[in-house]
Amino acid sequence: MLPDTETLLALPDVAENLGVPVTRVHQMLRDHELIAVRRDGVMGIPERFFDADGQVVRFLPGLITVMRDGKYSEEEILRWIFTEDDSLPGRPVDALHGDLAREVVRRAAAEPF
């Protein structure tokens, strides 16, 4: 699942960063635009899902949709996104922040993982 070293943002903090009410963040989770993780009893969203401006990384909602359409659970999606891939190089979540973002989505759609 999600490595313990990954920073999680509390839902109210995500709402503040996005400039929306916390209910909108809950809706984004229900709409599978984001994935939250429970750690120590508190729900949080991985900080790597956001860009330097605090906005959702552009290709993340599409990546989640592609993987959910492939019948992968949220746990499996998180595992894949945060697992090193030497051919990228690095982790898919890191590649989403650069020029390889489209390649990450393409691989998620094309490859069984």
PDB file of N, CA and C in Angstrom:
ATOM      1  N   MET A   1       0.836  -1.189   0.000  1.00  0.00           N
ATOM      2  CA  MET A   1       0.000   0.000   0.000  1.00  0.00           C
ATOM      3  C   MET A   1       0.879   1.250   0.000  1.00  0.00           C
ATOM      4  N   LEU A   2       0.495   2.266   0.703  1.00  0.00           N
ATOM      5  CA  LEU A   2       1.241   3.518   0.731  1.00  0.00           C
ATOM      6  C   LEU A   2       2.389   3.422   1.738  1.00  0.00           C
ATOM      7  N   PRO A   3       3.609   3.737   1.307  1.00  0.00           N
ATOM      8  CA  PRO A   3       4.733   3.706   2.243  1.00  0.00           C
ATOM      9  C   PRO A   3       4.515   4.684   3.404  1.00  0.00           C
ATOM     10  N   ASP A   4       4.958   4.308   4.589  1.00  0.00           N
ATOM     11  CA  ASP A   4       4.815   5.164   5.767  1.00  0.00           C
ATOM     12  C   ASP A   4       5.586   6.465   5.632  1.00  0.00           C
ATOM     13  N   THR A   5       6.557   6.495   4.735  1.00  0.00           N
ATOM     14  CA  THR A   5       7.362   7.701   4.556  1.00  0.00           C
ATOM     15  C   THR A   5       6.635   8.781   3.759  1.00  0.00           C
ATOM     16  N   GLU A   6       5.532   8.418   3.119  1.00  0.00           N
ATOM     17  CA  GLU A   6       4.777   9.398   2.324  1.00  0.00           C
ATOM     18  C   GLU A   6       3.961  10.304   3.240  1.00  0.00           C
ATOM     19  N   THR A   7       4.044  11.591   3.010  1.00  0.00           N
ATOM     20  CA  THR A   7       3.297  12.572   3.786  1.00  0.00           C
ATOM     21  C   THR A   7       1.844  12.580   3.332  1.00  0.00           C
ATOM     22  N   LEU A   8       0.949  12.597   4.315  1.00  0.00           N
ATOM     23  CA  LEU A   8      -0.480  12.699   4.032  1.00  0.00           C
ATOM     24  C   LEU A   8      -0.969  14.083   4.442  1.00  0.00           C
ATOM     25  N   LEU A   9      -1.866  14.629   3.636  1.00  0.00           N
ATOM     26  CA  LEU A   9      -2.505  15.896   3.965  1.00  0.00           C
ATOM     27  C   LEU A   9      -3.910  15.597   4.475  1.00  0.00           C
ATOM     28  N   ALA A  10      -4.270  16.198   5.592  1.00  0.00           N
ATOM     29  CA  ALA A  10      -5.614  16.034   6.143  1.00  0.00           C
ATOM     30  C   ALA A  10      -6.621  16.656   5.178  1.00  0.00           C
ATOM     31  N   LEU A  11      -7.828  16.114   5.156  1.00  0.00           N
ATOM     32  CA  LEU A  11      -8.846  16.593   4.216  1.00  0.00           C
ATOM     33  C   LEU A  11      -9.123  18.094   4.348  1.00  0.00           C
ATOM     34  N   PRO A  12      -9.203  18.651   5.571  1.00  0.00           N
ATOM     35  CA  PRO A  12      -9.398  20.108   5.655  1.00  0.00           C
ATOM     36  C   PRO A  12      -8.235  20.896   5.044  1.00  0.00           C
ATOM     37  N   ASP A  13      -7.012  20.371   5.163  1.00  0.00           N
ATOM     38  CA  ASP A  13      -5.855  21.045   4.552  1.00  0.00           C
ATOM     39  C   ASP A  13      -5.923  20.985   3.032  1.00  0.00           C
ATOM     40  N   VAL A  14      -6.376  19.850   2.510  1.00  0.00           N
ATOM     41  CA  VAL A  14      -6.543  19.716   1.053  1.00  0.00           C
ATOM     42  C   VAL A  14      -7.576  20.733   0.571  1.00  0.00           C
ATOM     43  N   ALA A  15      -8.675  20.829   1.293  1.00  0.00           N
ATOM     44  CA  ALA A  15      -9.731  21.784   0.923  1.00  0.00           C
ATOM     45  C   ALA A  15      -9.200  23.207   0.904  1.00  0.00           C
ATOM     46  N   GLU A  16      -8.420  23.551   1.921  1.00  0.00           N
ATOM     47  CA  GLU A  16      -7.853  24.897   1.990  1.00  0.00           C
ATOM     48  C   GLU A  16      -6.912  25.153   0.819  1.00  0.00           C
ATOM     49  N   ASN A  17      -6.040  24.178   0.516  1.00  0.00           N
ATOM     50  CA  ASN A  17      -5.099  24.320  -0.603  1.00  0.00           C
ATOM     51  C   ASN A  17      -5.816  24.489  -1.933  1.00  0.00           C
ATOM     52  N   LEU A  18      -6.913  23.747  -2.100  1.00  0.00           N
ATOM     53  CA  LEU A  18      -7.665  23.806  -3.356  1.00  0.00           C
ATOM     54  C   LEU A  18      -8.618  24.998  -3.404  1.00  0.00           C
ATOM     55  N   GLY A  19      -8.858  25.620  -2.241  1.00  0.00           N
ATOM     56  CA  GLY A  19      -9.787  26.748  -2.182  1.00  0.00           C
ATOM     57  C   GLY A  19     -11.239  26.316  -2.325  1.00  0.00           C
ATOM     58  N   VAL A  20     -11.548  25.137  -1.787  1.00  0.00           N
ATOM     59  CA  VAL A  20     -12.915  24.604  -1.866  1.00  0.00           C
ATOM     60  C   VAL A  20     -13.357  24.158  -0.473  1.00  0.00           C
ATOM     61  N   PRO A  21     -14.668  23.995  -0.266  1.00  0.00           N
ATOM     62  CA  PRO A  21     -15.120  23.460   1.018  1.00  0.00           C
ATOM     63  C   PRO A  21     -14.696  21.997   1.164  1.00  0.00           C
ATOM     64  N   VAL A  22     -14.554  21.543   2.396  1.00  0.00           N
ATOM     65  CA  VAL A  22     -14.145  20.160   2.649  1.00  0.00           C
ATOM     66  C   VAL A  22     -15.156  19.181   2.057  1.00  0.00           C
ATOM     67  N   THR A  23     -16.414  19.591   1.928  1.00  0.00           N
ATOM     68  CA  THR A  23     -17.413  18.717   1.319  1.00  0.00           C
ATOM     69  C   THR A  23     -17.076  18.445  -0.144  1.00  0.00           C
ATOM     70  N   ARG A  24     -16.435  19.394  -0.816  1.00  0.00           N
ATOM     71  CA  ARG A  24     -16.008  19.187  -2.211  1.00  0.00           C
ATOM     72  C   ARG A  24     -14.895  18.143  -2.271  1.00  0.00           C
ATOM     73  N   VAL A  25     -14.008  18.127  -1.283  1.00  0.00           N
ATOM     74  CA  VAL A  25     -12.952  17.115  -1.229  1.00  0.00           C
ATOM     75  C   VAL A  25     -13.591  15.739  -1.040  1.00  0.00           C
ATOM     76  N   HIS A  26     -14.588  15.657  -0.176  1.00  0.00           N
ATOM     77  CA  HIS A  26     -15.302  14.388   0.013  1.00  0.00           C
ATOM     78  C   HIS A  26     -15.939  13.941  -1.305  1.00  0.00           C
ATOM     79  N   GLN A  27     -16.498  14.886  -2.060  1.00  0.00           N
ATOM     80  CA  GLN A  27     -17.095  14.563  -3.356  1.00  0.00           C
ATOM     81  C   GLN A  27     -16.032  14.078  -4.338  1.00  0.00           C
ATOM     82  N   MET A  28     -14.858  14.685  -4.314  1.00  0.00           N
ATOM     83  CA  MET A  28     -13.763  14.257  -5.189  1.00  0.00           C
ATOM     84  C   MET A  28     -13.353  12.822  -4.864  1.00  0.00           C
ATOM     85  N   LEU A  29     -13.395  12.472  -3.591  1.00  0.00           N
ATOM     86  CA  LEU A  29     -13.086  11.089  -3.195  1.00  0.00           C
ATOM     87  C   LEU A  29     -14.175  10.144  -3.683  1.00  0.00           C
ATOM     88  N   ARG A  30     -15.436  10.537  -3.531  1.00  0.00           N
ATOM     89  CA  ARG A  30     -16.545   9.690  -4.009  1.00  0.00           C
ATOM     90  C   ARG A  30     -16.517   9.537  -5.523  1.00  0.00           C
ATOM     91  N   ASP A  31     -16.089  10.601  -6.219  1.00  0.00           N
ATOM     92  CA  ASP A  31     -16.025  10.578  -7.686  1.00  0.00           C
ATOM     93  C   ASP A  31     -14.737   9.916  -8.195  1.00  0.00           C
ATOM     94  N   HIS A  32     -13.905   9.455  -7.260  1.00  0.00           N
ATOM     95  CA  HIS A  32     -12.648   8.766  -7.580  1.00  0.00           C
ATOM     96  C   HIS A  32     -11.666   9.652  -8.329  1.00  0.00           C
ATOM     97  N   GLU A  33     -11.695  10.950  -8.016  1.00  0.00           N
ATOM     98  CA  GLU A  33     -10.699  11.865  -8.552  1.00  0.00           C
ATOM     99  C   GLU A  33      -9.441  11.839  -7.692  1.00  0.00           C
ATOM    100  N   LEU A  34      -9.599  11.406  -6.444  1.00  0.00           N
ATOM    101  CA  LEU A  34      -8.510  11.289  -5.479  1.00  0.00           C
ATOM    102  C   LEU A  34      -8.695  10.001  -4.693  1.00  0.00           C
ATOM    103  N   ILE A  35      -7.642   9.589  -4.005  1.00  0.00           N
ATOM    104  CA  ILE A  35      -7.705   8.433  -3.119  1.00  0.00           C
ATOM    105  C   ILE A  35      -7.168   8.880  -1.764  1.00  0.00           C
ATOM    106  N   ALA A  36      -7.900   8.553  -0.713  1.00  0.00           N
ATOM    107  CA  ALA A  36      -7.470   8.869   0.648  1.00  0.00           C
ATOM    108  C   ALA A  36      -7.005   7.596   1.344  1.00  0.00           C
ATOM    109  N   VAL A  37      -6.184   7.785   2.342  1.00  0.00           N
ATOM    110  CA  VAL A  37      -5.621   6.695   3.123  1.00  0.00           C
ATOM    111  C   VAL A  37      -5.896   6.993   4.594  1.00  0.00           C
ATOM    112  N   ARG A  38      -6.218   5.961   5.352  1.00  0.00           N
ATOM    113  CA  ARG A  38      -6.387   6.137   6.797  1.00  0.00           C
ATOM    114  C   ARG A  38      -5.090   5.726   7.475  1.00  0.00           C
ATOM    115  N   ARG A  39      -4.515   6.667   8.215  1.00  0.00           N
ATOM    116  CA  ARG A  39      -3.285   6.395   8.967  1.00  0.00           C
ATOM    117  C   ARG A  39      -3.491   6.919  10.390  1.00  0.00           C
ATOM    118  N   ASP A  40      -3.288   6.054  11.347  1.00  0.00           N
ATOM    119  CA  ASP A  40      -3.487   6.406  12.757  1.00  0.00           C
ATOM    120  C   ASP A  40      -4.888   6.968  12.992  1.00  0.00           C
ATOM    121  N   GLY A  41      -5.861   6.418  12.281  1.00  0.00           N
ATOM    122  CA  GLY A  41      -7.249   6.808  12.469  1.00  0.00           C
ATOM    123  C   GLY A  41      -7.665   8.088  11.763  1.00  0.00           C
ATOM    124  N   VAL A  42      -6.756   8.719  11.036  1.00  0.00           N
ATOM    125  CA  VAL A  42      -7.052   9.983  10.362  1.00  0.00           C
ATOM    126  C   VAL A  42      -6.961   9.782   8.850  1.00  0.00           C
ATOM    127  N   MET A  43      -7.973  10.274   8.132  1.00  0.00           N
ATOM    128  CA  MET A  43      -7.959  10.199   6.672  1.00  0.00           C
ATOM    129  C   MET A  43      -7.050  11.282   6.107  1.00  0.00           C
ATOM    130  N   GLY A  44      -6.255  10.893   5.129  1.00  0.00           N
ATOM    131  CA  GLY A  44      -5.388  11.860   4.481  1.00  0.00           C
ATOM    132  C   GLY A  44      -5.163  11.486   3.031  1.00  0.00           C
ATOM    133  N   ILE A  45      -4.734  12.443   2.266  1.00  0.00           N
ATOM    134  CA  ILE A  45      -4.458  12.249   0.842  1.00  0.00           C
ATOM    135  C   ILE A  45      -2.955  12.456   0.647  1.00  0.00           C
ATOM    136  N   PRO A  46      -2.294  11.536  -0.078  1.00  0.00           N
ATOM    137  CA  PRO A  46      -0.851  11.680  -0.279  1.00  0.00           C
ATOM    138  C   PRO A  46      -0.484  13.046  -0.859  1.00  0.00           C
ATOM    139  N   GLU A  47       0.497  13.664  -0.258  1.00  0.00           N
ATOM    140  CA  GLU A  47       0.957  14.983  -0.691  1.00  0.00           C
ATOM    141  C   GLU A  47       1.453  14.962  -2.135  1.00  0.00           C
ATOM    142  N   ARG A  48       2.012  13.835  -2.603  1.00  0.00           N
ATOM    143  CA  ARG A  48       2.530  13.722  -3.972  1.00  0.00           C
ATOM    144  C   ARG A  48       1.420  13.803  -5.013  1.00  0.00           C
ATOM    145  N   PHE A  49       0.157  13.750  -4.592  1.00  0.00           N
ATOM    146  CA  PHE A  49      -0.956  13.880  -5.530  1.00  0.00           C
ATOM    147  C   PHE A  49      -1.205  15.332  -5.929  1.00  0.00           C
ATOM    148  N   PHE A  50      -0.408  16.246  -5.375  1.00  0.00           N
ATOM    149  CA  PHE A  50      -0.610  17.670  -5.622  1.00  0.00           C
ATOM    150  C   PHE A  50       0.666  18.290  -6.180  1.00  0.00           C
ATOM    151  N   ASP A  51       0.489  19.336  -6.987  1.00  0.00           N
ATOM    152  CA  ASP A  51       1.643  20.026  -7.558  1.00  0.00           C
ATOM    153  C   ASP A  51       2.144  21.093  -6.582  1.00  0.00           C
ATOM    154  N   ALA A  52       3.128  21.849  -7.000  1.00  0.00           N
ATOM    155  CA  ALA A  52       3.746  22.863  -6.133  1.00  0.00           C
ATOM    156  C   ALA A  52       2.752  23.957  -5.726  1.00  0.00           C
ATOM    157  N   ASP A  53       1.705  24.154  -6.522  1.00  0.00           N
ATOM    158  CA  ASP A  53       0.691  25.161  -6.212  1.00  0.00           C
ATOM    159  C   ASP A  53      -0.436  24.614  -5.349  1.00  0.00           C
ATOM    160  N   GLY A  54      -0.331  23.337  -4.957  1.00  0.00           N
ATOM    161  CA  GLY A  54      -1.368  22.738  -4.119  1.00  0.00           C
ATOM    162  C   GLY A  54      -2.554  22.198  -4.891  1.00  0.00           C
ATOM    163  N   GLN A  55      -2.471  22.192  -6.209  1.00  0.00           N
ATOM    164  CA  GLN A  55      -3.559  21.676  -7.042  1.00  0.00           C
ATOM    165  C   GLN A  55      -3.325  20.201  -7.350  1.00  0.00           C
ATOM    166  N   VAL A  56      -4.394  19.485  -7.653  1.00  0.00           N
ATOM    167  CA  VAL A  56      -4.283  18.070  -8.005  1.00  0.00           C
ATOM    168  C   VAL A  56      -3.444  17.944  -9.271  1.00  0.00           C
ATOM    169  N   VAL A  57      -2.496  17.024  -9.254  1.00  0.00           N
ATOM    170  CA  VAL A  57      -1.660  16.782 -10.433  1.00  0.00           C
ATOM    171  C   VAL A  57      -2.590  16.471 -11.607  1.00  0.00           C
ATOM    172  N   ARG A  58      -2.359  17.115 -12.713  1.00  0.00           N
ATOM    173  CA  ARG A  58      -3.277  17.107 -13.856  1.00  0.00           C
ATOM    174  C   ARG A  58      -3.763  15.727 -14.291  1.00  0.00           C
ATOM    175  N   PHE A  59      -2.878  14.759 -14.411  1.00  0.00           N
ATOM    176  CA  PHE A  59      -3.259  13.465 -14.963  1.00  0.00           C
ATOM    177  C   PHE A  59      -3.711  12.448 -13.914  1.00  0.00           C
ATOM    178  N   LEU A  60      -3.674  12.806 -12.643  1.00  0.00           N
ATOM    179  CA  LEU A  60      -4.024  11.844 -11.595  1.00  0.00           C
ATOM    180  C   LEU A  60      -5.466  11.347 -11.683  1.00  0.00           C
ATOM    181  N   PRO A  61      -6.477  12.222 -11.810  1.00  0.00           N
ATOM    182  CA  PRO A  61      -7.849  11.697 -11.884  1.00  0.00           C
ATOM    183  C   PRO A  61      -8.047  10.727 -13.059  1.00  0.00           C
ATOM    184  N   GLY A  62      -7.443  11.021 -14.210  1.00  0.00           N
ATOM    185  CA  GLY A  62      -7.545  10.126 -15.360  1.00  0.00           C
ATOM    186  C   GLY A  62      -6.862   8.800 -15.102  1.00  0.00           C
ATOM    187  N   LEU A  63      -5.706   8.835 -14.439  1.00  0.00           N
ATOM    188  CA  LEU A  63      -4.999   7.610 -14.098  1.00  0.00           C
ATOM    189  C   LEU A  63      -5.842   6.741 -13.164  1.00  0.00           C
ATOM    190  N   ILE A  64      -6.432   7.355 -12.154  1.00  0.00           N
ATOM    191  CA  ILE A  64      -7.287   6.605 -11.226  1.00  0.00           C
ATOM    192  C   ILE A  64      -8.463   5.998 -11.969  1.00  0.00           C
ATOM    193  N   THR A  65      -9.072   6.749 -12.869  1.00  0.00           N
ATOM    194  CA  THR A  65     -10.207   6.244 -13.645  1.00  0.00           C
ATOM    195  C   THR A  65      -9.804   5.048 -14.500  1.00  0.00           C
ATOM    196  N   VAL A  66      -8.683   5.165 -15.194  1.00  0.00           N
ATOM    197  CA  VAL A  66      -8.198   4.067 -16.043  1.00  0.00           C
ATOM    198  C   VAL A  66      -7.996   2.805 -15.209  1.00  0.00           C
ATOM    199  N   MET A  67      -7.392   2.969 -14.057  1.00  0.00           N
ATOM    200  CA  MET A  67      -7.101   1.805 -13.226  1.00  0.00           C
ATOM    201  C   MET A  67      -8.370   1.232 -12.593  1.00  0.00           C
ATOM    202  N   ARG A  68      -9.291   2.082 -12.185  1.00  0.00           N
ATOM    203  CA  ARG A  68     -10.564   1.590 -11.638  1.00  0.00           C
ATOM    204  C   ARG A  68     -11.359   0.865 -12.729  1.00  0.00           C
ATOM    205  N   ASP A  69     -11.318   1.389 -13.949  1.00  0.00           N
ATOM    206  CA  ASP A  69     -11.986   0.710 -15.073  1.00  0.00           C
ATOM    207  C   ASP A  69     -11.377  -0.668 -15.309  1.00  0.00           C
ATOM    208  N   GLY A  70     -10.099  -0.819 -14.967  1.00  0.00           N
ATOM    209  CA  GLY A  70      -9.418  -2.112 -15.068  1.00  0.00           C
ATOM    210  C   GLY A  70      -9.699  -3.004 -13.866  1.00  0.00           C
ATOM    211  N   LYS A  71     -10.616  -2.565 -13.004  1.00  0.00           N
ATOM    212  CA  LYS A  71     -11.072  -3.341 -11.827  1.00  0.00           C
ATOM    213  C   LYS A  71     -10.036  -3.447 -10.725  1.00  0.00           C
ATOM    214  N   TYR A  72      -9.140  -2.459 -10.640  1.00  0.00           N
ATOM    215  CA  TYR A  72      -8.163  -2.466  -9.565  1.00  0.00           C
ATOM    216  C   TYR A  72      -8.719  -1.723  -8.360  1.00  0.00           C
ATOM    217  N   SER A  73      -8.431  -2.254  -7.177  1.00  0.00           N
ATOM    218  CA  SER A  73      -8.883  -1.638  -5.930  1.00  0.00           C
ATOM    219  C   SER A  73      -8.025  -0.407  -5.639  1.00  0.00           C
ATOM    220  N   GLU A  74      -8.486   0.405  -4.704  1.00  0.00           N
ATOM    221  CA  GLU A  74      -7.703   1.576  -4.333  1.00  0.00           C
ATOM    222  C   GLU A  74      -6.344   1.166  -3.779  1.00  0.00           C
ATOM    223  N   GLU A  75      -6.294   0.091  -3.019  1.00  0.00           N
ATOM    224  CA  GLU A  75      -5.028  -0.390  -2.475  1.00  0.00           C
ATOM    225  C   GLU A  75      -4.075  -0.793  -3.604  1.00  0.00           C
ATOM    226  N   GLU A  76      -4.578  -1.498  -4.607  1.00  0.00           N
ATOM    227  CA  GLU A  76      -3.748  -1.900  -5.743  1.00  0.00           C
ATOM    228  C   GLU A  76      -3.278  -0.687  -6.547  1.00  0.00           C
ATOM    229  N   ILE A  77      -4.157   0.292  -6.691  1.00  0.00           N
ATOM    230  CA  ILE A  77      -3.794   1.519  -7.408  1.00  0.00           C
ATOM    231  C   ILE A  77      -2.662   2.226  -6.670  1.00  0.00           C
ATOM    232  N   LEU A  78      -2.813   2.386  -5.359  1.00  0.00           N
ATOM    233  CA  LEU A  78      -1.778   3.046  -4.573  1.00  0.00           C
ATOM    234  C   LEU A  78      -0.459   2.286  -4.643  1.00  0.00           C
ATOM    235  N   ARG A  79      -0.525   0.966  -4.561  1.00  0.00           N
ATOM    236  CA  ARG A  79       0.692   0.157  -4.625  1.00  0.00           C
ATOM    237  C   ARG A  79       1.409   0.408  -5.949  1.00  0.00           C
ATOM    238  N   TRP A  80       0.666   0.408  -7.067  1.00  0.00           N
ATOM    239  CA  TRP A  80       1.270   0.600  -8.385  1.00  0.00           C
ATOM    240  C   TRP A  80       1.840   2.013  -8.522  1.00  0.00           C
ATOM    241  N   ILE A  81       1.095   3.002  -8.086  1.00  0.00           N
ATOM    242  CA  ILE A  81       1.519   4.396  -8.225  1.00  0.00           C
ATOM    243  C   ILE A  81       2.794   4.678  -7.435  1.00  0.00           C
ATOM    244  N   PHE A  82       2.961   4.017  -6.293  1.00  0.00           N
ATOM    245  CA  PHE A  82       4.098   4.306  -5.421  1.00  0.00           C
ATOM    246  C   PHE A  82       5.218   3.264  -5.499  1.00  0.00           C
ATOM    247  N   THR A  83       5.176   2.378  -6.500  1.00  0.00           N
ATOM    248  CA  THR A  83       6.219   1.364  -6.670  1.00  0.00           C
ATOM    249  C   THR A  83       7.227   1.813  -7.720  1.00  0.00           C
ATOM    250  N   GLU A  84       8.501   1.657  -7.390  1.00  0.00           N
ATOM    251  CA  GLU A  84       9.579   2.028  -8.315  1.00  0.00           C
ATOM    252  C   GLU A  84       9.435   1.284  -9.644  1.00  0.00           C
ATOM    253  N   ASP A  85       9.701   1.986 -10.739  1.00  0.00           N
ATOM    254  CA  ASP A  85       9.681   1.400 -12.073  1.00  0.00           C
ATOM    255  C   ASP A  85      10.928   1.914 -12.794  1.00  0.00           C
ATOM    256  N   ASP A  86      11.923   1.050 -12.938  1.00  0.00           N
ATOM    257  CA  ASP A  86      13.197   1.459 -13.536  1.00  0.00           C
ATOM    258  C   ASP A  86      13.052   1.964 -14.965  1.00  0.00           C
ATOM    259  N   SER A  87      11.998   1.559 -15.645  1.00  0.00           N
ATOM    260  CA  SER A  87      11.843   1.983 -17.036  1.00  0.00           C
ATOM    261  C   SER A  87      11.294   3.409 -17.153  1.00  0.00           C
ATOM    262  N   LEU A  88      10.825   4.000 -16.059  1.00  0.00           N
ATOM    263  CA  LEU A  88      10.302   5.373 -16.154  1.00  0.00           C
ATOM    264  C   LEU A  88      11.411   6.430 -16.181  1.00  0.00           C
ATOM    265  N   PRO A  89      12.365   6.491 -15.401  1.00  0.00           N
ATOM    266  CA  PRO A  89      12.719   5.811 -14.153  1.00  0.00           C
ATOM    267  C   PRO A  89      12.019   6.463 -12.971  1.00  0.00           C
ATOM    268  N   GLY A  90      11.932   5.718 -11.900  1.00  0.00           N
ATOM    269  CA  GLY A  90      11.305   6.219 -10.686  1.00  0.00           C
ATOM    270  C   GLY A  90       9.925   5.630 -10.478  1.00  0.00           C
ATOM    271  N   ARG A  91       9.141   6.303  -9.678  1.00  0.00           N
ATOM    272  CA  ARG A  91       7.785   5.848  -9.374  1.00  0.00           C
ATOM    273  C   ARG A  91       6.792   6.568 -10.276  1.00  0.00           C
ATOM    274  N   PRO A  92       5.702   5.902 -10.638  1.00  0.00           N
ATOM    275  CA  PRO A  92       4.684   6.572 -11.445  1.00  0.00           C
ATOM    276  C   PRO A  92       4.201   7.886 -10.829  1.00  0.00           C
ATOM    277  N   VAL A  93       4.039   7.929  -9.500  1.00  0.00           N
ATOM    278  CA  VAL A  93       3.566   9.163  -8.867  1.00  0.00           C
ATOM    279  C   VAL A  93       4.525  10.319  -9.108  1.00  0.00           C
ATOM    280  N   ASP A  94       5.808  10.032  -9.159  1.00  0.00           N
ATOM    281  CA  ASP A  94       6.786  11.085  -9.430  1.00  0.00           C
ATOM    282  C   ASP A  94       6.760  11.486 -10.899  1.00  0.00           C
ATOM    283  N   ALA A  95       6.576  10.506 -11.779  1.00  0.00           N
ATOM    284  CA  ALA A  95       6.516  10.785 -13.217  1.00  0.00           C
ATOM    285  C   ALA A  95       5.302  11.641 -13.577  1.00  0.00           C
ATOM    286  N   LEU A  96       4.244  11.564 -12.774  1.00  0.00           N
ATOM    287  CA  LEU A  96       3.057  12.386 -13.032  1.00  0.00           C
ATOM    288  C   LEU A  96       3.360  13.882 -12.931  1.00  0.00           C
ATOM    289  N   HIS A  97       4.458  14.219 -12.282  1.00  0.00           N
ATOM    290  CA  HIS A  97       4.836  15.622 -12.104  1.00  0.00           C
ATOM    291  C   HIS A  97       5.717  16.142 -13.236  1.00  0.00           C
ATOM    292  N   GLY A  98       5.979  15.304 -14.240  1.00  0.00           N
ATOM    293  CA  GLY A  98       6.880  15.724 -15.304  1.00  0.00           C
ATOM    294  C   GLY A  98       6.393  15.338 -16.682  1.00  0.00           C
ATOM    295  N   ASP A  99       7.365  15.218 -17.574  1.00  0.00           N
ATOM    296  CA  ASP A  99       7.073  14.952 -18.978  1.00  0.00           C
ATOM    297  C   ASP A  99       6.544  13.545 -19.238  1.00  0.00           C
ATOM    298  N   LEU A 100       6.654  12.646 -18.282  1.00  0.00           N
ATOM    299  CA  LEU A 100       6.235  11.258 -18.488  1.00  0.00           C
ATOM    300  C   LEU A 100       4.812  10.979 -17.992  1.00  0.00           C
ATOM    301  N   ALA A 101       4.073  12.008 -17.637  1.00  0.00           N
ATOM    302  CA  ALA A 101       2.723  11.816 -17.087  1.00  0.00           C
ATOM    303  C   ALA A 101       1.818  11.042 -18.053  1.00  0.00           C
ATOM    304  N   ARG A 102       1.816  11.416 -19.309  1.00  0.00           N
ATOM    305  CA  ARG A 102       0.971  10.707 -20.293  1.00  0.00           C
ATOM    306  C   ARG A 102       1.420   9.248 -20.433  1.00  0.00           C
ATOM    307  N   GLU A 103       2.720   9.007 -20.349  1.00  0.00           N
ATOM    308  CA  GLU A 103       3.244   7.649 -20.440  1.00  0.00           C
ATOM    309  C   GLU A 103       2.754   6.797 -19.268  1.00  0.00           C
ATOM    310  N   VAL A 104       2.669   7.381 -18.102  1.00  0.00           N
ATOM    311  CA  VAL A 104       2.165   6.656 -16.927  1.00  0.00           C
ATOM    312  C   VAL A 104       0.730   6.215 -17.166  1.00  0.00           C
ATOM    313  N   VAL A 105      -0.109   7.112 -17.654  1.00  0.00           N
ATOM    314  CA  VAL A 105      -1.511   6.778 -17.921  1.00  0.00           C
ATOM    315  C   VAL A 105      -1.598   5.730 -19.028  1.00  0.00           C
ATOM    316  N   ARG A 106      -0.782   5.874 -20.056  1.00  0.00           N
ATOM    317  CA  ARG A 106      -0.774   4.890 -21.148  1.00  0.00           C
ATOM    318  C   ARG A 106      -0.409   3.513 -20.617  1.00  0.00           C
ATOM    319  N   ARG A 107       0.605   3.434 -19.802  1.00  0.00           N
ATOM    320  CA  ARG A 107       1.015   2.138 -19.245  1.00  0.00           C
ATOM    321  C   ARG A 107      -0.074   1.540 -18.372  1.00  0.00           C
ATOM    322  N   ALA A 108      -0.728   2.372 -17.598  1.00  0.00           N
ATOM    323  CA  ALA A 108      -1.795   1.869 -16.729  1.00  0.00           C
ATOM    324  C   ALA A 108      -2.931   1.291 -17.565  1.00  0.00           C
ATOM    325  N   ALA A 109      -3.182   1.880 -18.721  1.00  0.00           N
ATOM    326  CA  ALA A 109      -4.265   1.403 -19.588  1.00  0.00           C
ATOM    327  C   ALA A 109      -3.848   0.159 -20.362  1.00  0.00           C
ATOM    328  N   ALA A 110      -2.567   0.038 -20.703  1.00  0.00           N
ATOM    329  CA  ALA A 110      -2.114  -1.010 -21.604  1.00  0.00           C
ATOM    330  C   ALA A 110      -1.575  -2.257 -20.910  1.00  0.00           C
ATOM    331  N   GLU A 111      -1.002  -2.084 -19.749  1.00  0.00           N
ATOM    332  CA  GLU A 111      -0.295  -3.206 -19.128  1.00  0.00           C
ATOM    333  C   GLU A 111      -1.065  -3.792 -17.954  1.00  0.00           C
ATOM    334  N   PRO A 112      -1.092  -5.103 -17.893  1.00  0.00           N
ATOM    335  CA  PRO A 112      -1.595  -5.713 -16.663  1.00  0.00           C
ATOM    336  C   PRO A 112      -0.511  -5.592 -15.601  1.00  0.00           C
ATOM    337  N   PHE A 113      -0.913  -5.213 -14.406  1.00  0.00           N
ATOM    338  CA  PHE A 113       0.086  -5.069 -13.356  1.00  0.00           C
ATOM    339  C   PHE A 113      -0.350  -5.811 -12.133  1.00  0.00           C
TER     340      PHE A 113
END
